[in-house]
Amino acid sequence: MIIEPNAVAAEVEQALWVVIDPELGENVIDLGLIYRIGVEEGVARVEMTTTTRGCPAAAFLKNAVQSAVWSVPGVHYAEVKLTYEPEWSPAMMTESARRRLGRR
């Protein structure tokens, strides 16, 4: 994950810990679904993915991420881009998420 080095971008990352993937029950940060966070002049841009193309929870996750970003003081506009490049893999999860989900 790439996070621009500023305080608001760090706050956006913290806000995203509460967004839970409904199918896996883990947050989007630990799952490695967030690829990039940038904030410039109050505009937050988040690039993210889902675990699979055509994920039935894609719209939910994108909206939940956008809502979480909007909640951060200093963010006046939130743009969330869904991408599949690079394709997500379980290796992108944190070690603790892999353990909780029974993956190594």
Protein backbone atom coordinates (compact mmCIF):
# COMPACT_ATOMS: atom_id res chain seq x y z
CA MET A 1 0.00 0.00 0.00
CA ILE A 2 1.22 3.47 -0.86
CA ILE A 3 0.22 6.29 1.47
CA GLU A 4 1.20 9.86 0.72
CA PRO A 5 3.27 11.23 3.60
CA ASN A 6 0.83 13.67 5.17
CA ALA A 7 -1.29 13.68 8.32
CA VAL A 8 -4.67 13.59 6.56
CA ALA A 9 -3.67 10.56 4.44
CA ALA A 10 -2.61 8.78 7.64
CA GLU A 11 -6.00 9.62 9.18
CA VAL A 12 -7.73 8.22 6.09
CA GLU A 13 -5.82 4.97 6.53
CA GLN A 14 -6.93 4.81 10.18
CA ALA A 15 -10.56 5.44 9.17
CA LEU A 16 -10.44 2.51 6.73
CA TRP A 17 -9.71 -0.03 9.49
CA VAL A 18 -13.45 -0.03 10.29
CA VAL A 19 -14.49 -1.08 6.76
CA ILE A 20 -15.11 -4.82 6.92
CA ASP A 21 -15.38 -7.12 3.92
CA PRO A 22 -18.76 -8.80 4.50
CA GLU A 23 -17.68 -12.11 2.99
CA LEU A 24 -14.38 -12.54 4.85
CA GLY A 25 -15.11 -10.58 8.02
CA GLU A 26 -11.77 -8.76 7.91
CA ASN A 27 -11.01 -5.08 7.40
CA VAL A 28 -9.91 -3.79 4.01
CA ILE A 29 -6.49 -2.73 5.30
CA ASP A 30 -5.55 -6.17 6.68
CA LEU A 31 -6.91 -7.83 3.55
CA GLY A 32 -4.61 -5.71 1.38
CA LEU A 33 -7.50 -4.30 -0.64
CA ILE A 34 -6.26 -0.71 -0.43
CA TYR A 35 -3.50 0.02 -2.93
CA ARG A 36 -3.03 3.78 -2.60
CA ILE A 37 -4.17 6.67 -0.40
CA GLY A 38 -3.51 10.26 -1.34
CA VAL A 39 -4.86 13.54 -0.04
CA GLU A 40 -4.18 16.92 -1.58
CA GLU A 41 -5.98 20.16 -0.74
CA GLY A 42 -8.87 18.30 0.90
CA VAL A 43 -9.37 15.85 -1.97
CA ALA A 44 -8.81 12.26 -0.91
CA ARG A 45 -8.12 9.64 -3.55
CA VAL A 46 -8.18 5.96 -2.69
CA GLU A 47 -7.33 3.19 -5.12
CA MET A 48 -8.60 -0.22 -4.08
CA THR A 49 -9.52 -3.68 -5.30
CA THR A 50 -11.69 -6.61 -4.29
CA THR A 51 -10.68 -10.20 -3.74
CA THR A 52 -12.16 -11.25 -7.10
CA ARG A 53 -13.39 -9.60 -10.26
CA GLY A 54 -17.15 -9.46 -10.21
CA CYS A 55 -17.17 -9.56 -6.41
CA PRO A 56 -20.79 -9.22 -5.27
CA ALA A 57 -19.65 -6.92 -2.44
CA ALA A 58 -17.71 -4.52 -4.71
CA ALA A 59 -20.29 -1.71 -4.64
CA PHE A 60 -20.77 -2.11 -0.89
CA LEU A 61 -17.02 -1.97 -0.24
CA LYS A 62 -16.48 1.02 -2.52
CA ASN A 63 -19.33 2.93 -0.84
CA ALA A 64 -18.13 1.97 2.65
CA VAL A 65 -14.60 3.14 1.86
CA GLN A 66 -15.95 6.41 0.48
CA SER A 67 -18.07 6.97 3.61
CA ALA A 68 -15.12 6.24 5.89
CA VAL A 69 -12.93 8.67 3.95
CA TRP A 70 -15.62 11.38 4.12
CA SER A 71 -15.61 11.06 7.92
CA VAL A 72 -12.01 12.29 8.18
CA PRO A 73 -11.64 15.96 9.19
CA GLY A 74 -9.98 17.91 6.40
CA VAL A 75 -11.44 15.77 3.61
CA HIS A 76 -13.80 17.79 1.44
CA TYR A 77 -14.14 15.31 -1.41
CA ALA A 78 -13.56 11.55 -1.57
CA GLU A 79 -12.80 9.72 -4.79
CA VAL A 80 -12.57 5.92 -4.68
CA LYS A 81 -11.27 4.07 -7.71
CA LEU A 82 -11.73 0.33 -8.09
CA THR A 83 -8.95 -1.45 -9.99
CA TYR A 84 -7.82 -4.99 -10.66
CA GLU A 85 -4.24 -4.16 -11.54
CA PRO A 86 -2.44 -5.73 -9.88
CA GLU A 87 -4.77 -8.60 -9.27
CA TRP A 88 -5.36 -9.26 -5.55
CA SER A 89 -3.90 -12.39 -3.98
CA PRO A 90 -3.90 -13.76 -0.42
CA ALA A 91 -0.21 -12.81 -0.20
CA MET A 92 -1.37 -9.17 0.02
CA MET A 93 -3.01 -9.80 3.40
CA THR A 94 -1.22 -9.02 6.63
CA GLU A 95 0.23 -11.99 8.46
CA SER A 96 -2.35 -11.63 11.22
CA ALA A 97 -5.25 -11.68 8.72
CA ARG A 98 -3.82 -14.79 7.05
CA ARG A 99 -3.65 -16.51 10.45
CA ARG A 100 -7.21 -15.49 11.37
CA LEU A 101 -8.48 -16.82 8.03
CA GLY A 102 -6.46 -20.03 8.31
CA ARG A 103 -4.07 -19.22 5.46
CA ARG A 104 -0.30 -19.35 5.59
